[in-house]
Amino acid sequence: MTKTISKADLAQFTGTEAYHYLPHHPQCVVYTDGVKYLAARAGAYWLLDLIAFYQTDERIKHDESLQGIQFWHLRVNDGQGVLTCERDKDDVVLTHELHYTDFPLNNITLYVCQKVMMLPSEY
């Protein structure tokens, strides 16, 4: 399966008509239509699962500002990636290295705002 997605595709999402649940993490987060599109087109439901998994991490779970909003950045280079969660610009809370990824974009940013995972254009 060829994974095709562009930043222009994602920029078209400016709200959501429905919220979607992750089957393994139904209490952690819900996600928007734009994130659903991203996961389906990029084959990246693993990314949603990983972000949801980290919602129970002590560094996030007990940080009041991170319960309000989190900035997640995935950067990909030569089939490897680094996922970071930031409290604010350049205030990295955690880093997760990916030794292999076939994510089709060089980078993507997702927000988690009050337990809703969204694209920046949906904020």
PDB file of N, CA and C in Angstrom:
ATOM      1  N   MET A   1       0.838  -1.190   0.000  1.00  0.00           N
ATOM      2  CA  MET A   1       0.000   0.000   0.000  1.00  0.00           C
ATOM      3  C   MET A   1       0.879   1.248   0.000  1.00  0.00           C
ATOM      4  N   THR A   2       0.641   2.123  -0.954  1.00  0.00           N
ATOM      5  CA  THR A   2       1.374   3.374  -1.024  1.00  0.00           C
ATOM      6  C   THR A   2       0.724   4.377  -0.079  1.00  0.00           C
ATOM      7  N   LYS A   3       1.548   4.974   0.734  1.00  0.00           N
ATOM      8  CA  LYS A   3       1.045   5.946   1.702  1.00  0.00           C
ATOM      9  C   LYS A   3       1.228   7.341   1.119  1.00  0.00           C
ATOM     10  N   THR A   4       0.132   8.011   0.858  1.00  0.00           N
ATOM     11  CA  THR A   4       0.206   9.345   0.287  1.00  0.00           C
ATOM     12  C   THR A   4      -0.582  10.313   1.148  1.00  0.00           C
ATOM     13  N   ILE A   5       0.094  11.369   1.498  1.00  0.00           N
ATOM     14  CA  ILE A   5      -0.544  12.426   2.286  1.00  0.00           C
ATOM     15  C   ILE A   5       0.331  13.662   2.155  1.00  0.00           C
ATOM     16  N   SER A   6      -0.274  14.821   2.218  1.00  0.00           N
ATOM     17  CA  SER A   6       0.502  16.059   2.139  1.00  0.00           C
ATOM     18  C   SER A   6       0.048  17.014   3.236  1.00  0.00           C
ATOM     19  N   LYS A   7       0.892  17.983   3.493  1.00  0.00           N
ATOM     20  CA  LYS A   7       0.535  19.005   4.484  1.00  0.00           C
ATOM     21  C   LYS A   7      -0.686  19.792   4.002  1.00  0.00           C
ATOM     22  N   ALA A   8      -0.805  19.969   2.682  1.00  0.00           N
ATOM     23  CA  ALA A   8      -1.970  20.673   2.132  1.00  0.00           C
ATOM     24  C   ALA A   8      -3.256  19.895   2.404  1.00  0.00           C
ATOM     25  N   ASP A   9      -3.184  18.563   2.293  1.00  0.00           N
ATOM     26  CA  ASP A   9      -4.354  17.731   2.630  1.00  0.00           C
ATOM     27  C   ASP A   9      -4.797  18.001   4.064  1.00  0.00           C
ATOM     28  N   LEU A  10      -3.838  18.032   4.960  1.00  0.00           N
ATOM     29  CA  LEU A  10      -4.138  18.173   6.389  1.00  0.00           C
ATOM     30  C   LEU A  10      -4.642  19.570   6.733  1.00  0.00           C
ATOM     31  N   ALA A  11      -4.136  20.581   6.019  1.00  0.00           N
ATOM     32  CA  ALA A  11      -4.523  21.968   6.309  1.00  0.00           C
ATOM     33  C   ALA A  11      -5.999  22.228   6.024  1.00  0.00           C
ATOM     34  N   GLN A  12      -6.650  21.349   5.271  1.00  0.00           N
ATOM     35  CA  GLN A  12      -8.070  21.529   4.953  1.00  0.00           C
ATOM     36  C   GLN A  12      -8.981  21.244   6.143  1.00  0.00           C
ATOM     37  N   PHE A  13      -8.446  20.588   7.160  1.00  0.00           N
ATOM     38  CA  PHE A  13      -9.255  20.262   8.338  1.00  0.00           C
ATOM     39  C   PHE A  13      -9.214  21.435   9.307  1.00  0.00           C
ATOM     40  N   THR A  14     -10.384  22.035   9.549  1.00  0.00           N
ATOM     41  CA  THR A  14     -10.446  23.201  10.434  1.00  0.00           C
ATOM     42  C   THR A  14     -11.449  23.014  11.559  1.00  0.00           C
ATOM     43  N   GLY A  15     -11.864  21.829  11.771  1.00  0.00           N
ATOM     44  CA  GLY A  15     -12.805  21.493  12.833  1.00  0.00           C
ATOM     45  C   GLY A  15     -13.093  20.016  12.714  1.00  0.00           C
ATOM     46  N   THR A  16     -14.012  19.526  13.481  1.00  0.00           N
ATOM     47  CA  THR A  16     -14.359  18.112  13.380  1.00  0.00           C
ATOM     48  C   THR A  16     -15.863  17.948  13.506  1.00  0.00           C
ATOM     49  N   GLU A  17     -16.377  16.945  12.838  1.00  0.00           N
ATOM     50  CA  GLU A  17     -17.795  16.621  12.958  1.00  0.00           C
ATOM     51  C   GLU A  17     -18.030  15.522  13.974  1.00  0.00           C
ATOM     52  N   ALA A  18     -16.961  14.790  14.306  1.00  0.00           N
ATOM     53  CA  ALA A  18     -17.099  13.674  15.250  1.00  0.00           C
ATOM     54  C   ALA A  18     -15.786  13.470  15.989  1.00  0.00           C
ATOM     55  N   TYR A  19     -15.875  12.874  17.150  1.00  0.00           N
ATOM     56  CA  TYR A  19     -14.690  12.471  17.903  1.00  0.00           C
ATOM     57  C   TYR A  19     -14.599  10.954  17.843  1.00  0.00           C
ATOM     58  N   HIS A  20     -13.380  10.467  17.722  1.00  0.00           N
ATOM     59  CA  HIS A  20     -13.133   9.043  17.535  1.00  0.00           C
ATOM     60  C   HIS A  20     -12.310   8.521  18.706  1.00  0.00           C
ATOM     61  N   TYR A  21     -12.548   7.284  19.077  1.00  0.00           N
ATOM     62  CA  TYR A  21     -11.880   6.661  20.220  1.00  0.00           C
ATOM     63  C   TYR A  21     -10.866   5.637  19.756  1.00  0.00           C
ATOM     64  N   LEU A  22      -9.767   5.541  20.485  1.00  0.00           N
ATOM     65  CA  LEU A  22      -8.791   4.479  20.258  1.00  0.00           C
ATOM     66  C   LEU A  22      -9.231   3.262  21.053  1.00  0.00           C
ATOM     67  N   PRO A  23      -9.351   2.108  20.427  1.00  0.00           N
ATOM     68  CA  PRO A  23      -9.881   0.938  21.135  1.00  0.00           C
ATOM     69  C   PRO A  23      -9.062   0.515  22.351  1.00  0.00           C
ATOM     70  N   HIS A  24      -7.751   0.714  22.295  1.00  0.00           N
ATOM     71  CA  HIS A  24      -6.906   0.287  23.416  1.00  0.00           C
ATOM     72  C   HIS A  24      -6.752   1.366  24.486  1.00  0.00           C
ATOM     73  N   HIS A  25      -7.190   2.583  24.176  1.00  0.00           N
ATOM     74  CA  HIS A  25      -7.024   3.703  25.107  1.00  0.00           C
ATOM     75  C   HIS A  25      -8.285   4.566  25.146  1.00  0.00           C
ATOM     76  N   PRO A  26      -9.465   4.003  25.359  1.00  0.00           N
ATOM     77  CA  PRO A  26     -10.694   4.794  25.245  1.00  0.00           C
ATOM     78  C   PRO A  26     -10.820   5.902  26.287  1.00  0.00           C
ATOM     79  N   GLN A  27     -10.157   5.781  27.411  1.00  0.00           N
ATOM     80  CA  GLN A  27     -10.266   6.791  28.465  1.00  0.00           C
ATOM     81  C   GLN A  27      -9.198   7.874  28.360  1.00  0.00           C
ATOM     82  N   CYS A  28      -8.148   7.634  27.569  1.00  0.00           N
ATOM     83  CA  CYS A  28      -7.012   8.563  27.524  1.00  0.00           C
ATOM     84  C   CYS A  28      -7.277   9.783  26.658  1.00  0.00           C
ATOM     85  N   VAL A  29      -7.627   9.550  25.402  1.00  0.00           N
ATOM     86  CA  VAL A  29      -7.842  10.647  24.460  1.00  0.00           C
ATOM     87  C   VAL A  29      -8.879  10.237  23.422  1.00  0.00           C
ATOM     88  N   VAL A  30      -9.473  11.235  22.812  1.00  0.00           N
ATOM     89  CA  VAL A  30     -10.254  11.049  21.596  1.00  0.00           C
ATOM     90  C   VAL A  30      -9.521  11.820  20.505  1.00  0.00           C
ATOM     91  N   TYR A  31      -9.886  11.582  19.256  1.00  0.00           N
ATOM     92  CA  TYR A  31      -9.212  12.304  18.186  1.00  0.00           C
ATOM     93  C   TYR A  31     -10.219  12.778  17.147  1.00  0.00           C
ATOM     94  N   THR A  32      -9.791  13.770  16.386  1.00  0.00           N
ATOM     95  CA  THR A  32     -10.660  14.468  15.449  1.00  0.00           C
ATOM     96  C   THR A  32     -10.666  13.793  14.074  1.00  0.00           C
ATOM     97  N   ASP A  33     -11.523  14.312  13.200  1.00  0.00           N
ATOM     98  CA  ASP A  33     -11.595  13.812  11.827  1.00  0.00           C
ATOM     99  C   ASP A  33     -10.265  13.986  11.090  1.00  0.00           C
ATOM    100  N   GLY A  34      -9.590  15.100  11.324  1.00  0.00           N
ATOM    101  CA  GLY A  34      -8.306  15.336  10.664  1.00  0.00           C
ATOM    102  C   GLY A  34      -7.250  14.333  11.088  1.00  0.00           C
ATOM    103  N   VAL A  35      -7.206  14.011  12.361  1.00  0.00           N
ATOM    104  CA  VAL A  35      -6.254  13.017  12.861  1.00  0.00           C
ATOM    105  C   VAL A  35      -6.628  11.638  12.327  1.00  0.00           C
ATOM    106  N   LYS A  36      -7.918  11.365  12.222  1.00  0.00           N
ATOM    107  CA  LYS A  36      -8.360  10.084  11.650  1.00  0.00           C
ATOM    108  C   LYS A  36      -7.894   9.965  10.200  1.00  0.00           C
ATOM    109  N   TYR A  37      -8.032  11.031   9.446  1.00  0.00           N
ATOM    110  CA  TYR A  37      -7.582  11.060   8.054  1.00  0.00           C
ATOM    111  C   TYR A  37      -6.074  10.827   7.982  1.00  0.00           C
ATOM    112  N   LEU A  38      -5.328  11.521   8.812  1.00  0.00           N
ATOM    113  CA  LEU A  38      -3.871  11.350   8.863  1.00  0.00           C
ATOM    114  C   LEU A  38      -3.504   9.898   9.147  1.00  0.00           C
ATOM    115  N   ALA A  39      -4.094   9.321  10.166  1.00  0.00           N
ATOM    116  CA  ALA A  39      -3.767   7.948  10.561  1.00  0.00           C
ATOM    117  C   ALA A  39      -4.110   6.956   9.453  1.00  0.00           C
ATOM    118  N   ALA A  40      -5.254   7.148   8.815  1.00  0.00           N
ATOM    119  CA  ALA A  40      -5.671   6.223   7.756  1.00  0.00           C
ATOM    120  C   ALA A  40      -4.796   6.355   6.511  1.00  0.00           C
ATOM    121  N   ARG A  41      -4.545   7.577   6.070  1.00  0.00           N
ATOM    122  CA  ARG A  41      -3.770   7.789   4.836  1.00  0.00           C
ATOM    123  C   ARG A  41      -2.290   7.496   5.022  1.00  0.00           C
ATOM    124  N   ALA A  42      -1.762   7.751   6.213  1.00  0.00           N
ATOM    125  CA  ALA A  42      -0.329   7.558   6.467  1.00  0.00           C
ATOM    126  C   ALA A  42      -0.033   6.207   7.109  1.00  0.00           C
ATOM    127  N   GLY A  43      -1.071   5.426   7.387  1.00  0.00           N
ATOM    128  CA  GLY A  43      -0.853   4.156   8.087  1.00  0.00           C
ATOM    129  C   GLY A  43      -0.241   4.394   9.450  1.00  0.00           C
ATOM    130  N   ALA A  44      -0.769   5.376  10.158  1.00  0.00           N
ATOM    131  CA  ALA A  44      -0.114   5.840  11.381  1.00  0.00           C
ATOM    132  C   ALA A  44      -0.986   5.743  12.625  1.00  0.00           C
ATOM    133  N   TYR A  45      -1.825   4.715  12.704  1.00  0.00           N
ATOM    134  CA  TYR A  45      -2.566   4.527  13.951  1.00  0.00           C
ATOM    135  C   TYR A  45      -1.608   4.236  15.101  1.00  0.00           C
ATOM    136  N   TRP A  46      -0.430   3.728  14.785  1.00  0.00           N
ATOM    137  CA  TRP A  46       0.595   3.488  15.811  1.00  0.00           C
ATOM    138  C   TRP A  46       0.984   4.799  16.494  1.00  0.00           C
ATOM    139  N   LEU A  47       1.007   5.898  15.729  1.00  0.00           N
ATOM    140  CA  LEU A  47       1.370   7.200  16.294  1.00  0.00           C
ATOM    141  C   LEU A  47       0.318   7.648  17.308  1.00  0.00           C
ATOM    142  N   LEU A  48      -0.952   7.463  16.980  1.00  0.00           N
ATOM    143  CA  LEU A  48      -2.025   7.803  17.906  1.00  0.00           C
ATOM    144  C   LEU A  48      -1.933   6.956  19.168  1.00  0.00           C
ATOM    145  N   ASP A  49      -1.683   5.656  18.991  1.00  0.00           N
ATOM    146  CA  ASP A  49      -1.532   4.759  20.143  1.00  0.00           C
ATOM    147  C   ASP A  49      -0.373   5.181  21.034  1.00  0.00           C
ATOM    148  N   LEU A  50       0.730   5.574  20.421  1.00  0.00           N
ATOM    149  CA  LEU A  50       1.909   5.969  21.196  1.00  0.00           C
ATOM    150  C   LEU A  50       1.629   7.235  22.007  1.00  0.00           C
ATOM    151  N   ILE A  51       1.011   8.213  21.387  1.00  0.00           N
ATOM    152  CA  ILE A  51       0.664   9.442  22.109  1.00  0.00           C
ATOM    153  C   ILE A  51      -0.333   9.135  23.221  1.00  0.00           C
ATOM    154  N   ALA A  52      -1.315   8.300  22.947  1.00  0.00           N
ATOM    155  CA  ALA A  52      -2.294   7.919  23.978  1.00  0.00           C
ATOM    156  C   ALA A  52      -1.612   7.179  25.120  1.00  0.00           C
ATOM    157  N   PHE A  53      -0.689   6.287  24.793  1.00  0.00           N
ATOM    158  CA  PHE A  53       0.049   5.549  25.818  1.00  0.00           C
ATOM    159  C   PHE A  53       0.757   6.506  26.774  1.00  0.00           C
ATOM    160  N   TYR A  54       1.378   7.545  26.237  1.00  0.00           N
ATOM    161  CA  TYR A  54       2.133   8.480  27.073  1.00  0.00           C
ATOM    162  C   TYR A  54       1.246   9.366  27.949  1.00  0.00           C
ATOM    163  N   GLN A  55      -0.052   9.361  27.731  1.00  0.00           N
ATOM    164  CA  GLN A  55      -0.937  10.156  28.589  1.00  0.00           C
ATOM    165  C   GLN A  55      -0.918   9.649  30.027  1.00  0.00           C
ATOM    166  N   THR A  56      -0.514   8.409  30.233  1.00  0.00           N
ATOM    167  CA  THR A  56      -0.438   7.855  31.591  1.00  0.00           C
ATOM    168  C   THR A  56       0.955   7.998  32.197  1.00  0.00           C
ATOM    169  N   ASP A  57       1.895   8.559  31.440  1.00  0.00           N
ATOM    170  CA  ASP A  57       3.247   8.788  31.947  1.00  0.00           C
ATOM    171  C   ASP A  57       3.195   9.860  33.039  1.00  0.00           C
ATOM    172  N   GLU A  58       3.925   9.632  34.112  1.00  0.00           N
ATOM    173  CA  GLU A  58       3.912  10.561  35.255  1.00  0.00           C
ATOM    174  C   GLU A  58       4.266  11.989  34.845  1.00  0.00           C
ATOM    175  N   ARG A  59       5.163  12.147  33.874  1.00  0.00           N
ATOM    176  CA  ARG A  59       5.581  13.488  33.447  1.00  0.00           C
ATOM    177  C   ARG A  59       4.431  14.259  32.821  1.00  0.00           C
ATOM    178  N   ILE A  60       3.478  13.555  32.272  1.00  0.00           N
ATOM    179  CA  ILE A  60       2.329  14.207  31.639  1.00  0.00           C
ATOM    180  C   ILE A  60       1.118  14.196  32.559  1.00  0.00           C
ATOM    181  N   LYS A  61       0.853  13.063  33.145  1.00  0.00           N
ATOM    182  CA  LYS A  61      -0.363  12.862  33.945  1.00  0.00           C
ATOM    183  C   LYS A  61      -0.497  13.849  35.101  1.00  0.00           C
ATOM    184  N   HIS A  62       0.614  14.216  35.721  1.00  0.00           N
ATOM    185  CA  HIS A  62       0.563  15.076  36.907  1.00  0.00           C
ATOM    186  C   HIS A  62       0.998  16.517  36.634  1.00  0.00           C
ATOM    187  N   ASP A  63       1.097  16.884  35.374  1.00  0.00           N
ATOM    188  CA  ASP A  63       1.495  18.246  35.015  1.00  0.00           C
ATOM    189  C   ASP A  63       0.247  19.007  34.561  1.00  0.00           C
ATOM    190  N   GLU A  64      -0.167  19.974  35.359  1.00  0.00           N
ATOM    191  CA  GLU A  64      -1.411  20.698  35.088  1.00  0.00           C
ATOM    192  C   GLU A  64      -1.408  21.381  33.726  1.00  0.00           C
ATOM    193  N   SER A  65      -0.281  21.988  33.350  1.00  0.00           N
ATOM    194  CA  SER A  65      -0.242  22.669  32.053  1.00  0.00           C
ATOM    195  C   SER A  65      -0.363  21.675  30.899  1.00  0.00           C
ATOM    196  N   LEU A  66       0.200  20.473  31.061  1.00  0.00           N
ATOM    197  CA  LEU A  66       0.098  19.460  30.009  1.00  0.00           C
ATOM    198  C   LEU A  66      -1.290  18.838  29.938  1.00  0.00           C
ATOM    199  N   GLN A  67      -2.058  18.939  30.995  1.00  0.00           N
ATOM    200  CA  GLN A  67      -3.446  18.486  30.925  1.00  0.00           C
ATOM    201  C   GLN A  67      -4.270  19.458  30.089  1.00  0.00           C
ATOM    202  N   GLY A  68      -3.801  20.701  30.002  1.00  0.00           N
ATOM    203  CA  GLY A  68      -4.464  21.698  29.159  1.00  0.00           C
ATOM    204  C   GLY A  68      -4.105  21.532  27.694  1.00  0.00           C
ATOM    205  N   ILE A  69      -2.786  21.514  27.401  1.00  0.00           N
ATOM    206  CA  ILE A  69      -2.345  21.353  26.009  1.00  0.00           C
ATOM    207  C   ILE A  69      -0.946  20.748  25.957  1.00  0.00           C
ATOM    208  N   GLN A  70      -0.754  19.881  24.978  1.00  0.00           N
ATOM    209  CA  GLN A  70       0.543  19.250  24.704  1.00  0.00           C
ATOM    210  C   GLN A  70       0.832  19.420  23.219  1.00  0.00           C
ATOM    211  N   PHE A  71       2.098  19.621  22.894  1.00  0.00           N
ATOM    212  CA  PHE A  71       2.530  19.750  21.506  1.00  0.00           C
ATOM    213  C   PHE A  71       3.411  18.547  21.174  1.00  0.00           C
ATOM    214  N   TRP A  72       2.941  17.697  20.285  1.00  0.00           N
ATOM    215  CA  TRP A  72       3.657  16.482  19.893  1.00  0.00           C
ATOM    216  C   TRP A  72       4.251  16.682  18.508  1.00  0.00           C
ATOM    217  N   HIS A  73       5.545  16.401  18.384  1.00  0.00           N
ATOM    218  CA  HIS A  73       6.251  16.566  17.115  1.00  0.00           C
ATOM    219  C   HIS A  73       6.909  15.247  16.730  1.00  0.00           C
ATOM    220  N   LEU A  74       6.628  14.798  15.528  1.00  0.00           N
ATOM    221  CA  LEU A  74       7.323  13.641  14.972  1.00  0.00           C
ATOM    222  C   LEU A  74       8.220  14.150  13.858  1.00  0.00           C
ATOM    223  N   ARG A  75       9.511  13.824  13.975  1.00  0.00           N
ATOM    224  CA  ARG A  75      10.480  14.181  12.936  1.00  0.00           C
ATOM    225  C   ARG A  75      11.072  12.889  12.388  1.00  0.00           C
ATOM    226  N   VAL A  76      11.087  12.770  11.065  1.00  0.00           N
ATOM    227  CA  VAL A  76      11.525  11.540  10.405  1.00  0.00           C
ATOM    228  C   VAL A  76      12.705  11.844   9.497  1.00  0.00           C
ATOM    229  N   ASN A  77      13.717  10.952   9.551  1.00  0.00           N
ATOM    230  CA  ASN A  77      14.896  11.083   8.704  1.00  0.00           C
ATOM    231  C   ASN A  77      15.445   9.692   8.420  1.00  0.00           C
ATOM    232  N   ASP A  78      15.556   9.339   7.160  1.00  0.00           N
ATOM    233  CA  ASP A  78      16.127   8.048   6.742  1.00  0.00           C
ATOM    234  C   ASP A  78      15.471   6.854   7.430  1.00  0.00           C
ATOM    235  N   GLY A  79      14.167   6.859   7.517  1.00  0.00           N
ATOM    236  CA  GLY A  79      13.453   5.715   8.069  1.00  0.00           C
ATOM    237  C   GLY A  79      13.489   5.599   9.581  1.00  0.00           C
ATOM    238  N   GLN A  80      14.032   6.605  10.240  1.00  0.00           N
ATOM    239  CA  GLN A  80      14.027   6.642  11.702  1.00  0.00           C
ATOM    240  C   GLN A  80      13.321   7.916  12.138  1.00  0.00           C
ATOM    241  N   GLY A  81      12.832   7.926  13.367  1.00  0.00           N
ATOM    242  CA  GLY A  81      12.099   9.092  13.818  1.00  0.00           C
ATOM    243  C   GLY A  81      12.302   9.396  15.281  1.00  0.00           C
ATOM    244  N   VAL A  82      11.942  10.609  15.634  1.00  0.00           N
ATOM    245  CA  VAL A  82      11.956  11.041  17.029  1.00  0.00           C
ATOM    246  C   VAL A  82      10.621  11.717  17.303  1.00  0.00           C
ATOM    247  N   LEU A  83       9.925  11.226  18.311  1.00  0.00           N
ATOM    248  CA  LEU A  83       8.665  11.809  18.755  1.00  0.00           C
ATOM    249  C   LEU A  83       8.936  12.552  20.053  1.00  0.00           C
ATOM    250  N   THR A  84       8.561  13.821  20.102  1.00  0.00           N
ATOM    251  CA  THR A  84       8.745  14.601  21.327  1.00  0.00           C
ATOM    252  C   THR A  84       7.418  15.205  21.749  1.00  0.00           C
ATOM    253  N   CYS A  85       7.294  15.390  23.050  1.00  0.00           N
ATOM    254  CA  CYS A  85       6.168  16.123  23.621  1.00  0.00           C
ATOM    255  C   CYS A  85       6.740  17.382  24.250  1.00  0.00           C
ATOM    256  N   GLU A  86       6.169  18.514  23.908  1.00  0.00           N
ATOM    257  CA  GLU A  86       6.611  19.790  24.466  1.00  0.00           C
ATOM    258  C   GLU A  86       5.483  20.435  25.259  1.00  0.00           C
ATOM    259  N   ARG A  87       5.889  21.088  26.335  1.00  0.00           N
ATOM    260  CA  ARG A  87       4.974  21.887  27.146  1.00  0.00           C
ATOM    261  C   ARG A  87       4.772  23.235  26.460  1.00  0.00           C
ATOM    262  N   ASP A  88       5.838  23.728  25.888  1.00  0.00           N
ATOM    263  CA  ASP A  88       5.867  25.002  25.187  1.00  0.00           C
ATOM    264  C   ASP A  88       7.018  24.907  24.191  1.00  0.00           C
ATOM    265  N   LYS A  89       7.200  25.896  23.372  1.00  0.00           N
ATOM    266  CA  LYS A  89       8.283  25.850  22.388  1.00  0.00           C
ATOM    267  C   LYS A  89       9.620  25.624  23.088  1.00  0.00           C
ATOM    268  N   ASP A  90      10.325  24.594  22.654  1.00  0.00           N
ATOM    269  CA  ASP A  90      11.647  24.221  23.178  1.00  0.00           C
ATOM    270  C   ASP A  90      11.630  23.782  24.638  1.00  0.00           C
ATOM    271  N   ASP A  91      10.477  23.449  25.186  1.00  0.00           N
ATOM    272  CA  ASP A  91      10.376  22.917  26.553  1.00  0.00           C
ATOM    273  C   ASP A  91       9.938  21.454  26.448  1.00  0.00           C
ATOM    274  N   VAL A  92      10.914  20.595  26.122  1.00  0.00           N
ATOM    275  CA  VAL A  92      10.644  19.182  25.859  1.00  0.00           C
ATOM    276  C   VAL A  92      10.396  18.440  27.164  1.00  0.00           C
ATOM    277  N   VAL A  93       9.285  17.724  27.214  1.00  0.00           N
ATOM    278  CA  VAL A  93       8.907  16.934  28.385  1.00  0.00           C
ATOM    279  C   VAL A  93       9.409  15.504  28.246  1.00  0.00           C
ATOM    280  N   LEU A  94       9.257  14.948  27.050  1.00  0.00           N
ATOM    281  CA  LEU A  94       9.740  13.581  26.824  1.00  0.00           C
ATOM    282  C   LEU A  94      10.090  13.382  25.364  1.00  0.00           C
ATOM    283  N   THR A  95      10.938  12.386  25.141  1.00  0.00           N
ATOM    284  CA  THR A  95      11.398  12.022  23.805  1.00  0.00           C
ATOM    285  C   THR A  95      11.289  10.517  23.640  1.00  0.00           C
ATOM    286  N   HIS A  96      10.815  10.088  22.485  1.00  0.00           N
ATOM    287  CA  HIS A  96      10.710   8.659  22.174  1.00  0.00           C
ATOM    288  C   HIS A  96      11.369   8.438  20.811  1.00  0.00           C
ATOM    289  N   GLU A  97      12.415   7.620  20.785  1.00  0.00           N
ATOM    290  CA  GLU A  97      13.112   7.332  19.534  1.00  0.00           C
ATOM    291  C   GLU A  97      12.463   6.154  18.825  1.00  0.00           C
ATOM    292  N   LEU A  98      12.324   6.287  17.521  1.00  0.00           N
ATOM    293  CA  LEU A  98      11.782   5.227  16.670  1.00  0.00           C
ATOM    294  C   LEU A  98      12.917   4.731  15.781  1.00  0.00           C
ATOM    295  N   HIS A  99      13.301   3.494  15.954  1.00  0.00           N
ATOM    296  CA  HIS A  99      14.406   2.946  15.172  1.00  0.00           C
ATOM    297  C   HIS A  99      13.997   2.645  13.743  1.00  0.00           C
ATOM    298  N   TYR A 100      12.699   2.539  13.503  1.00  0.00           N
ATOM    299  CA  TYR A 100      12.190   2.373  12.140  1.00  0.00           C
ATOM    300  C   TYR A 100      10.807   3.000  12.051  1.00  0.00           C
ATOM    301  N   THR A 101      10.586   3.734  10.973  1.00  0.00           N
ATOM    302  CA  THR A 101       9.250   4.225  10.653  1.00  0.00           C
ATOM    303  C   THR A 101       9.137   4.415   9.149  1.00  0.00           C
ATOM    304  N   ASP A 102       7.953   4.159   8.627  1.00  0.00           N
ATOM    305  CA  ASP A 102       7.685   4.427   7.215  1.00  0.00           C
ATOM    306  C   ASP A 102       6.688   5.585   7.078  1.00  0.00           C
ATOM    307  N   PHE A 103       6.634   6.420   8.103  1.00  0.00           N
ATOM    308  CA  PHE A 103       5.747   7.580   8.064  1.00  0.00           C
ATOM    309  C   PHE A 103       6.119   8.423   6.843  1.00  0.00           C
ATOM    310  N   PRO A 104       5.145   8.811   6.015  1.00  0.00           N
ATOM    311  CA  PRO A 104       5.453   9.423   4.719  1.00  0.00           C
ATOM    312  C   PRO A 104       5.858  10.901   4.738  1.00  0.00           C
ATOM    313  N   LEU A 105       5.682  11.599   5.838  1.00  0.00           N
ATOM    314  CA  LEU A 105       6.086  13.006   5.915  1.00  0.00           C
ATOM    315  C   LEU A 105       7.370  13.127   6.733  1.00  0.00           C
ATOM    316  N   ASN A 106       8.138  14.190   6.463  1.00  0.00           N
ATOM    317  CA  ASN A 106       9.366  14.427   7.233  1.00  0.00           C
ATOM    318  C   ASN A 106       9.067  14.860   8.659  1.00  0.00           C
ATOM    319  N   ASN A 107       7.915  15.510   8.841  1.00  0.00           N
ATOM    320  CA  ASN A 107       7.537  15.940  10.190  1.00  0.00           C
ATOM    321  C   ASN A 107       6.038  16.180  10.246  1.00  0.00           C
ATOM    322  N   ILE A 108       5.536  16.092  11.442  1.00  0.00           N
ATOM    323  CA  ILE A 108       4.117  16.370  11.705  1.00  0.00           C
ATOM    324  C   ILE A 108       4.006  16.847  13.146  1.00  0.00           C
ATOM    325  N   THR A 109       3.084  17.747  13.382  1.00  0.00           N
ATOM    326  CA  THR A 109       2.787  18.211  14.732  1.00  0.00           C
ATOM    327  C   THR A 109       1.325  17.903  15.029  1.00  0.00           C
ATOM    328  N   LEU A 110       1.087  17.362  16.204  1.00  0.00           N
ATOM    329  CA  LEU A 110      -0.268  17.125  16.696  1.00  0.00           C
ATOM    330  C   LEU A 110      -0.396  17.794  18.053  1.00  0.00           C
ATOM    331  N   TYR A 111      -1.581  18.270  18.364  1.00  0.00           N
ATOM    332  CA  TYR A 111      -1.871  18.824  19.678  1.00  0.00           C
ATOM    333  C   TYR A 111      -2.754  17.838  20.437  1.00  0.00           C
ATOM    334  N   VAL A 112      -2.562  17.788  21.738  1.00  0.00           N
ATOM    335  CA  VAL A 112      -3.539  17.144  22.615  1.00  0.00           C
ATOM    336  C   VAL A 112      -4.022  18.246  23.543  1.00  0.00           C
ATOM    337  N   CYS A 113      -5.271  18.634  23.365  1.00  0.00           N
ATOM    338  CA  CYS A 113      -5.852  19.740  24.121  1.00  0.00           C
ATOM    339  C   CYS A 113      -7.032  19.204  24.919  1.00  0.00           C
ATOM    340  N   GLN A 114      -6.877  19.173  26.228  1.00  0.00           N
ATOM    341  CA  GLN A 114      -7.912  18.663  27.126  1.00  0.00           C
ATOM    342  C   GLN A 114      -8.436  17.304  26.650  1.00  0.00           C
ATOM    343  N   LYS A 115      -7.490  16.400  26.394  1.00  0.00           N
ATOM    344  CA  LYS A 115      -7.751  15.002  26.016  1.00  0.00           C
ATOM    345  C   LYS A 115      -8.316  14.821  24.614  1.00  0.00           C
ATOM    346  N   VAL A 116      -8.182  15.844  23.761  1.00  0.00           N
ATOM    347  CA  VAL A 116      -8.588  15.732  22.362  1.00  0.00           C
ATOM    348  C   VAL A 116      -7.341  15.894  21.490  1.00  0.00           C
ATOM    349  N   MET A 117      -7.020  14.854  20.700  1.00  0.00           N
ATOM    350  CA  MET A 117      -5.888  14.902  19.788  1.00  0.00           C
ATOM    351  C   MET A 117      -6.359  15.525  18.479  1.00  0.00           C
ATOM    352  N   MET A 118      -5.609  16.532  17.999  1.00  0.00           N
ATOM    353  CA  MET A 118      -6.044  17.270  16.814  1.00  0.00           C
ATOM    354  C   MET A 118      -4.860  17.755  15.997  1.00  0.00           C
ATOM    355  N   LEU A 119      -5.145  18.112  14.759  1.00  0.00           N
ATOM    356  CA  LEU A 119      -4.170  18.785  13.920  1.00  0.00           C
ATOM    357  C   LEU A 119      -4.105  20.243  14.351  1.00  0.00           C
ATOM    358  N   PRO A 120      -2.967  20.913  14.138  1.00  0.00           N
ATOM    359  CA  PRO A 120      -2.902  22.335  14.496  1.00  0.00           C
ATOM    360  C   PRO A 120      -3.998  23.172  13.823  1.00  0.00           C
ATOM    361  N   SER A 121      -4.374  22.836  12.599  1.00  0.00           N
ATOM    362  CA  SER A 121      -5.418  23.595  11.897  1.00  0.00           C
ATOM    363  C   SER A 121      -6.803  23.398  12.507  1.00  0.00           C
ATOM    364  N   GLU A 122      -6.953  22.375  13.350  1.00  0.00           N
ATOM    365  CA  GLU A 122      -8.243  22.115  14.000  1.00  0.00           C
ATOM    366  C   GLU A 122      -8.340  22.769  15.375  1.00  0.00           C
ATOM    367  N   TYR A 123      -7.263  23.402  15.822  1.00  0.00           N
ATOM    368  CA  TYR A 123      -7.235  24.009  17.154  1.00  0.00           C
ATOM    369  C   TYR A 123      -8.111  25.236  17.191  1.00  0.00           C
TER     370      TYR A 123
END
